[in-house]
């Protein structure tokens, strides 16, 4: 099979199309023909060696995929060749961790494409318990935008943020992949949503997704605008995928007793918090990573109902993975980018 292979850490040019062995089918597993593979910013960091270099090279990146069952291993029931499916973007490698209440915090949990070869390939092999049937009737490219951002968004907004009808929610970086779903998820739950952007095109996208207040941070103070928008109270929940110095600002924009959900570090891995102001205001800071199978099924159900729309910016052939990484790293992407392994 063909795959985009990483043989050294560095610039996007280190990703090269190669012929590699097709994964062998094992009992309890399925082989999936990858029809489209999503790209996440995490993979840019992995390719650069920023997050970890504890990766056996050569390696294949990628956590997100949309595909169809190519082969079913011994002992697997409920799947047939040709069925459209979505593999979980991360799961525990040890079956003993499979029922952990915080799945992504389980000791053996890994995001696809870190310790295991990932989805930048024509075929992948996955334990059947971590595969979900695709009910959406969308194109493979559209579905490939979903897995990581959907389970992350569902967990952040619904489970950890506990957003409910009538809430005022701040979603940072509204045109980012995860944020496009966080906006839609909060709206689906009946909340009002404010979001931040730094370009006119991103503002138009955020409005199309249903954001009630779009704040252009090039000329506006989002803390002041959110405070004004909520009649002086502040947001009930802030979804912060930026971290760094922005995290304190998200805290400032949240009401007394409000919740800040942190789930990213695009603006920096370290943050300084004004501790006294934080606990005097009884605010809650909660971290989250990714969701579980039930989060995925719930989110895909909303997509199937048309209540959430995938946001596909563009797609690239597998041999153009380097170009796709450059697009994501440039912050010029409005939504998500996918690779097409058979193009």
Protein backbone atom coordinates (compact mmCIF):
# COMPACT_ATOMS: atom_id res chain seq x y z
CA UNK A 1 0.00 0.00 0.00
CA UNK A 2 0.98 3.65 -0.27
CA UNK A 3 1.59 5.81 2.80
CA UNK A 4 3.05 9.20 3.66
CA UNK A 5 6.10 8.21 5.66
CA UNK A 6 8.05 10.18 8.26
CA UNK A 7 11.71 9.13 8.38
CA UNK A 8 13.11 12.15 10.24
CA UNK A 9 11.75 15.06 12.28
CA UNK A 10 11.79 18.43 10.60
CA UNK A 11 10.05 20.57 7.97
CA UNK A 12 7.08 19.32 5.99
CA UNK A 13 9.37 18.03 3.24
CA UNK A 14 10.31 15.07 5.46
CA UNK A 15 6.91 13.53 4.60
CA UNK A 16 7.43 11.29 1.59
CA UNK A 17 5.09 8.95 -0.28
CA UNK A 18 6.33 5.35 -0.10
CA UNK A 19 5.22 1.78 -0.65
CA UNK A 20 4.91 0.01 2.72
CA UNK A 21 3.46 -3.36 3.77
CA UNK A 22 -0.32 -3.52 4.10
CA UNK A 23 -1.22 -4.23 7.74
CA UNK A 24 -1.97 -7.87 8.56
CA UNK A 25 -5.35 -8.76 9.99
CA UNK A 26 -5.38 -10.06 13.57
CA UNK A 27 -8.17 -11.67 15.60
CA UNK A 28 -10.50 -9.09 17.13
CA UNK A 29 -9.41 -6.46 14.62
CA UNK A 30 -10.61 -5.06 11.32
CA UNK A 31 -8.69 -3.72 8.36
CA UNK A 32 -10.12 -0.44 7.08
CA UNK A 33 -9.61 0.93 3.60
CA UNK A 34 -8.92 4.60 4.27
CA UNK A 35 -11.00 6.72 1.91
CA UNK A 36 -9.92 10.01 3.49
CA UNK A 37 -7.58 10.97 6.36
CA UNK A 38 -7.97 14.13 8.40
CA UNK A 39 -5.04 16.33 9.38
CA UNK A 40 -4.78 17.90 12.83
CA UNK A 41 -2.32 20.48 14.13
CA UNK A 42 -1.06 17.83 16.57
CA UNK A 43 0.53 16.03 13.63
CA UNK A 44 2.40 19.16 12.59
CA UNK A 45 3.90 19.32 16.10
CA UNK A 46 4.73 15.60 15.99
CA UNK A 47 6.43 15.94 12.61
CA UNK A 48 8.51 18.82 13.95
CA UNK A 49 9.51 16.78 17.01
CA UNK A 50 8.07 19.46 19.32
CA UNK A 51 5.85 17.20 21.45
CA UNK A 52 7.99 14.05 21.55
CA UNK A 53 10.75 12.34 19.67
CA UNK A 54 10.02 9.04 21.32
CA UNK A 55 8.64 7.70 18.05
CA UNK A 56 10.13 4.76 16.20
CA UNK A 57 11.08 5.83 12.69
CA UNK A 58 10.02 5.30 9.97
CA UNK A 59 6.54 6.27 11.05
CA UNK A 60 3.10 7.08 9.63
CA UNK A 61 1.19 9.97 11.21
CA UNK A 62 -2.54 10.53 11.46
CA UNK A 63 -5.39 9.89 13.90
CA UNK A 64 -8.49 10.67 11.80
CA UNK A 65 -9.99 8.59 9.03
CA UNK A 66 -13.15 7.78 7.17
CA UNK A 67 -13.22 4.46 5.40
CA UNK A 68 -14.84 1.15 4.75
CA UNK A 69 -14.31 -2.30 6.18
CA UNK A 70 -11.85 -4.22 4.01
CA UNK A 71 -11.47 -7.33 6.17
CA UNK A 72 -12.89 -8.67 9.46
CA UNK A 73 -10.74 -10.65 11.90
CA UNK A 74 -11.66 -13.80 13.76
CA UNK A 75 -14.09 -13.23 16.61
CA UNK A 76 -15.40 -9.92 15.26
CA UNK A 77 -19.14 -9.53 14.87
CA UNK A 78 -21.27 -6.60 13.74
CA UNK A 79 -19.14 -5.50 10.80
CA UNK A 80 -19.25 -6.53 7.15
CA UNK A 81 -16.83 -5.78 4.30
CA UNK A 82 -17.80 -2.60 2.49
CA UNK A 83 -19.51 -0.93 5.48
CA UNK A 84 -18.62 2.72 5.99
CA UNK A 85 -16.95 3.24 9.36
CA UNK A 86 -15.03 5.73 11.49
CA UNK A 87 -12.17 4.54 13.72
CA UNK A 88 -11.72 6.25 17.07
CA UNK A 89 -8.85 8.77 16.87
CA UNK A 90 -7.40 7.40 20.10
CA UNK A 91 -7.89 4.40 22.35
CA UNK A 92 -6.13 2.32 25.03
CA UNK A 93 -3.70 -0.32 23.83
CA UNK A 94 -4.36 -2.45 26.93
CA UNK A 95 -7.81 -4.06 27.04
CA UNK A 96 -7.79 -3.66 30.82
CA UNK A 97 -8.07 0.11 30.32
CA UNK A 98 -10.97 -0.12 27.87
CA UNK A 99 -13.65 0.70 30.43
CA UNK A 100 -11.81 3.57 32.11
CA UNK A 101 -14.27 6.37 33.00
CA UNK A 102 -11.74 8.92 31.69
CA UNK A 103 -10.68 7.01 28.61
CA UNK A 104 -8.06 9.45 27.32
CA UNK A 105 -6.40 9.50 30.77
CA UNK A 106 -6.04 5.70 30.87
CA UNK A 107 -2.40 4.56 31.24
CA UNK A 108 -2.26 2.85 27.85
CA UNK A 109 -4.31 5.41 25.92
CA UNK A 110 -2.66 6.70 22.76
CA UNK A 111 -3.76 9.06 20.03
CA UNK A 112 -3.50 7.48 16.62
CA UNK A 113 -0.31 8.10 14.73
CA UNK A 114 1.91 8.51 17.80
CA UNK A 115 2.87 5.05 19.05
CA UNK A 116 0.91 3.21 16.36
CA UNK A 117 1.13 3.84 12.63
CA UNK A 118 -1.64 6.20 11.70
CA UNK A 119 -4.07 7.09 8.97
CA UNK A 120 -1.87 8.76 6.33
CA UNK A 121 -2.09 5.47 4.43
CA UNK A 122 -4.37 3.44 2.21
CA UNK A 123 -5.14 0.86 4.89
CA UNK A 124 -5.12 0.72 8.69
CA UNK A 125 -5.77 -2.10 11.17
CA UNK A 126 -7.78 -1.30 14.30
CA UNK A 127 -9.31 -3.29 17.19
CA UNK A 128 -12.98 -3.68 16.26
CA UNK A 129 -14.20 -2.31 19.59
CA UNK A 130 -12.74 1.08 18.65
CA UNK A 131 -14.59 1.34 15.33
CA UNK A 132 -17.95 3.10 14.93
CA UNK A 133 -20.36 2.73 12.04
CA UNK A 134 -20.80 5.88 9.96
CA UNK A 135 -24.46 7.00 9.94
CA UNK A 136 -23.89 10.37 8.29
CA UNK A 137 -24.29 9.65 4.54
CA UNK A 138 -21.66 12.33 3.91
CA UNK A 139 -18.65 12.08 1.62
CA UNK A 140 -15.54 10.37 3.02
CA UNK A 141 -13.66 13.69 2.89
CA UNK A 142 -16.34 15.40 4.98
CA UNK A 143 -16.42 12.58 7.53
CA UNK A 144 -12.63 12.54 7.84
CA UNK A 145 -12.79 16.06 9.27
CA UNK A 146 -14.80 14.75 12.23
CA UNK A 147 -13.15 12.20 14.54
CA UNK A 148 -10.70 14.11 16.73
CA UNK A 149 -12.45 17.47 16.67
CA UNK A 150 -15.85 15.89 17.23
CA UNK A 151 -14.97 13.69 20.22
CA UNK A 152 -12.83 16.49 21.66
CA UNK A 153 -15.58 19.05 21.19
CA UNK A 154 -18.33 16.83 22.60
CA UNK A 155 -16.22 16.05 25.66
CA UNK A 156 -15.21 19.70 26.19
CA UNK A 157 -18.59 21.34 25.62
CA UNK A 158 -21.14 18.77 26.77
CA UNK A 159 -19.34 16.61 29.34
CA UNK A 160 -16.68 18.80 30.92
CA UNK A 161 -18.10 22.27 30.26
CA UNK A 162 -21.65 21.04 30.99
CA UNK A 163 -23.06 23.62 28.62
CA UNK A 164 -26.85 23.84 28.74
CA UNK A 165 -29.66 25.81 27.19
CA UNK A 166 -29.48 29.52 27.96
CA UNK A 167 -25.75 29.56 28.75
CA UNK A 168 -23.42 32.17 27.29
CA UNK A 169 -20.32 30.40 25.96
CA UNK A 170 -17.01 31.81 24.74
CA UNK A 171 -15.22 29.67 22.17
CA UNK A 172 -11.69 30.78 21.35
CA UNK A 173 -10.32 30.74 17.77
CA UNK A 174 -13.65 30.15 16.09
CA UNK A 175 -12.28 29.03 12.71
CA UNK A 176 -9.97 26.37 14.16
CA UNK A 177 -10.94 22.75 13.57
CA UNK A 178 -12.09 21.91 17.09
CA UNK A 179 -13.68 25.33 17.57
CA UNK A 180 -15.91 24.99 14.52
CA UNK A 181 -17.49 22.01 16.26
CA UNK A 182 -17.50 23.58 19.71
CA UNK A 183 -19.57 26.47 18.32
CA UNK A 184 -22.05 24.12 16.70
CA UNK A 185 -22.25 21.79 19.70
CA UNK A 186 -22.94 24.66 22.09
CA UNK A 187 -25.65 25.96 19.76
CA UNK A 188 -27.17 22.47 19.47
CA UNK A 189 -27.38 22.40 23.28
CA UNK A 190 -29.29 25.70 23.27
CA UNK A 191 -26.49 28.08 24.29
CA UNK A 192 -25.54 31.50 22.94
CA UNK A 193 -21.98 31.60 21.57
CA UNK A 194 -19.31 34.27 21.28
CA UNK A 195 -16.11 33.45 19.44
CA UNK A 196 -12.83 35.10 18.49
CA UNK A 197 -11.27 35.38 15.02
CA UNK A 198 -8.35 37.16 13.41
CA UNK A 199 -9.41 37.38 9.75
CA UNK A 200 -12.48 38.46 7.77
CA UNK A 201 -12.92 35.04 6.21
CA UNK A 202 -12.81 33.39 9.61
CA UNK A 203 -15.45 35.81 10.87
CA UNK A 204 -17.74 34.86 7.98
CA UNK A 205 -17.25 31.16 8.76
CA UNK A 206 -18.00 31.65 12.47
CA UNK A 207 -21.22 33.47 11.64
CA UNK A 208 -22.23 30.72 9.22
CA UNK A 209 -21.72 28.17 11.99
CA UNK A 210 -24.16 30.07 14.20
CA UNK A 211 -21.99 32.21 16.47
CA UNK A 212 -24.07 34.99 18.04
CA UNK A 213 -21.10 37.31 18.63
CA UNK A 214 -17.96 37.27 16.50
CA UNK A 215 -15.04 39.26 17.92
CA UNK A 216 -12.16 40.27 15.66
CA UNK A 217 -9.19 40.33 18.01
CA UNK A 218 -7.19 42.45 15.58
CA UNK A 219 -9.19 45.47 16.68
CA UNK A 220 -11.35 44.38 19.62
CA UNK A 221 -10.79 43.42 23.26
CA UNK A 222 -12.61 40.10 23.56
CA UNK A 223 -12.79 40.28 27.35
CA UNK A 224 -14.59 43.63 27.27
CA UNK A 225 -16.87 42.53 24.44
CA UNK A 226 -17.90 39.33 26.23
CA UNK A 227 -18.53 41.20 29.48
CA UNK A 228 -20.67 43.73 27.62
CA UNK A 229 -22.48 40.97 25.66
CA UNK A 230 -23.50 39.25 28.90
CA UNK A 231 -24.72 42.40 30.63
CA UNK A 232 -21.61 42.67 32.80
CA UNK A 233 -21.64 39.06 34.08
CA UNK A 234 -19.17 37.24 31.86
CA UNK A 235 -19.48 33.95 30.02
CA UNK A 236 -20.86 30.93 31.86
CA UNK A 237 -18.32 28.70 30.11
CA UNK A 238 -15.14 29.46 28.16
CA UNK A 239 -13.68 26.85 25.80
CA UNK A 240 -9.97 27.69 25.47
CA UNK A 241 -7.90 25.79 22.92
CA UNK A 242 -5.12 28.40 22.90
CA UNK A 243 -3.49 28.36 26.32
CA UNK A 244 -0.48 30.59 26.89
CA UNK A 245 -1.26 34.18 27.79
CA UNK A 246 -4.78 33.81 26.36
CA UNK A 247 -5.83 31.46 29.16
CA UNK A 248 -5.83 34.21 31.80
CA UNK A 249 -7.85 36.38 29.42
CA UNK A 250 -10.40 33.59 29.02
CA UNK A 251 -10.63 33.43 32.81
CA UNK A 252 -11.18 37.20 32.89
CA UNK A 253 -14.06 36.84 30.42
CA UNK A 254 -15.84 34.23 32.57
CA UNK A 255 -18.43 35.06 35.21
CA UNK A 256 -18.19 34.50 38.95
CA UNK A 257 -18.62 30.76 39.47
CA UNK A 258 -18.03 30.10 35.77
CA UNK A 259 -16.06 27.31 34.12
CA UNK A 260 -13.01 27.51 31.88
CA UNK A 261 -12.23 24.39 29.86
CA UNK A 262 -8.63 24.21 28.69
CA UNK A 263 -7.81 21.87 25.82
CA UNK A 264 -4.94 23.28 23.76
CA UNK A 265 -1.70 25.20 23.75
CA UNK A 266 -1.40 26.87 20.34
CA UNK A 267 -0.55 30.17 22.09
CA UNK A 268 1.91 28.51 24.48
CA UNK A 269 2.35 25.55 26.81
CA UNK A 270 2.83 27.72 29.91
CA UNK A 271 0.35 30.16 31.42
CA UNK A 272 0.44 32.56 34.37
CA UNK A 273 -2.81 32.83 36.36
CA UNK A 274 -3.74 35.51 38.87
CA UNK A 275 -4.51 33.03 41.61
CA UNK A 276 -6.19 35.29 44.18
CA UNK A 277 -8.66 36.72 41.66
CA UNK A 278 -9.36 33.22 40.38
CA UNK A 279 -10.38 31.60 43.64
CA UNK A 280 -12.02 34.70 45.05
CA UNK A 281 -14.43 34.48 42.10
CA UNK A 282 -15.09 30.76 42.68
CA UNK A 283 -14.19 29.92 39.10
CA UNK A 284 -13.40 26.41 37.91
CA UNK A 285 -10.58 25.46 35.53
CA UNK A 286 -11.01 22.02 33.97
CA UNK A 287 -8.75 20.18 31.56
CA UNK A 288 -9.89 17.74 28.92
CA UNK A 289 -8.40 15.80 26.05
CA UNK A 290 -10.57 13.48 23.96
CA UNK A 291 -13.82 11.61 24.38
CA UNK A 292 -14.90 7.99 24.15
CA UNK A 293 -17.03 5.84 21.85
CA UNK A 294 -20.28 7.18 23.31
CA UNK A 295 -19.11 10.76 22.69
CA UNK A 296 -18.33 9.81 19.09
CA UNK A 297 -21.70 8.14 18.55
CA UNK A 298 -23.57 11.07 20.11
CA UNK A 299 -21.71 13.56 17.95
CA UNK A 300 -22.14 11.53 14.75
CA UNK A 301 -25.84 11.36 15.55
CA UNK A 302 -26.03 15.16 15.52
CA UNK A 303 -24.17 15.18 12.21
CA UNK A 304 -26.57 12.60 10.75
CA UNK A 305 -29.50 14.78 11.86
CA UNK A 306 -27.96 17.79 10.12
CA UNK A 307 -27.57 19.72 13.37
CA UNK A 308 -23.77 19.85 12.99
CA UNK A 309 -21.96 20.38 9.71
CA UNK A 310 -18.40 19.28 8.96
CA UNK A 311 -16.15 22.14 7.91
CA UNK A 312 -13.91 20.96 5.09
CA UNK A 313 -11.54 23.67 3.91
CA UNK A 314 -9.71 21.67 1.24
CA UNK A 315 -8.29 18.27 0.41
CA UNK A 316 -4.95 17.04 -0.91
CA UNK A 317 -3.74 13.83 -2.51
CA UNK A 318 -1.66 11.64 -0.21
CA UNK A 319 1.53 12.53 -2.08
CA UNK A 320 0.90 16.18 -1.15
CA UNK A 321 0.89 15.63 2.61
CA UNK A 322 3.75 18.12 3.00
CA UNK A 323 1.71 20.83 1.28
CA UNK A 324 -1.27 19.97 3.48
CA UNK A 325 0.86 20.32 6.62
CA UNK A 326 2.07 23.72 5.45
CA UNK A 327 -1.52 24.87 4.99
CA UNK A 328 -2.46 23.83 8.53
CA UNK A 329 0.68 25.36 10.05
CA UNK A 330 0.10 28.67 8.27
CA UNK A 331 -3.19 29.28 10.14
CA UNK A 332 -4.75 29.98 6.74
CA UNK A 333 -7.13 27.05 7.05
CA UNK A 334 -10.81 27.69 7.75
CA UNK A 335 -11.93 24.42 9.30
CA UNK A 336 -10.22 21.13 8.43
CA UNK A 337 -7.92 19.65 5.82
CA UNK A 338 -7.95 16.04 4.60
CA UNK A 339 -5.77 13.70 2.56
CA UNK A 340 -7.19 11.40 -0.12
CA UNK A 341 -5.07 8.21 -0.18
CA UNK A 342 -6.52 6.93 -3.45
CA UNK A 343 -6.41 10.17 -5.45
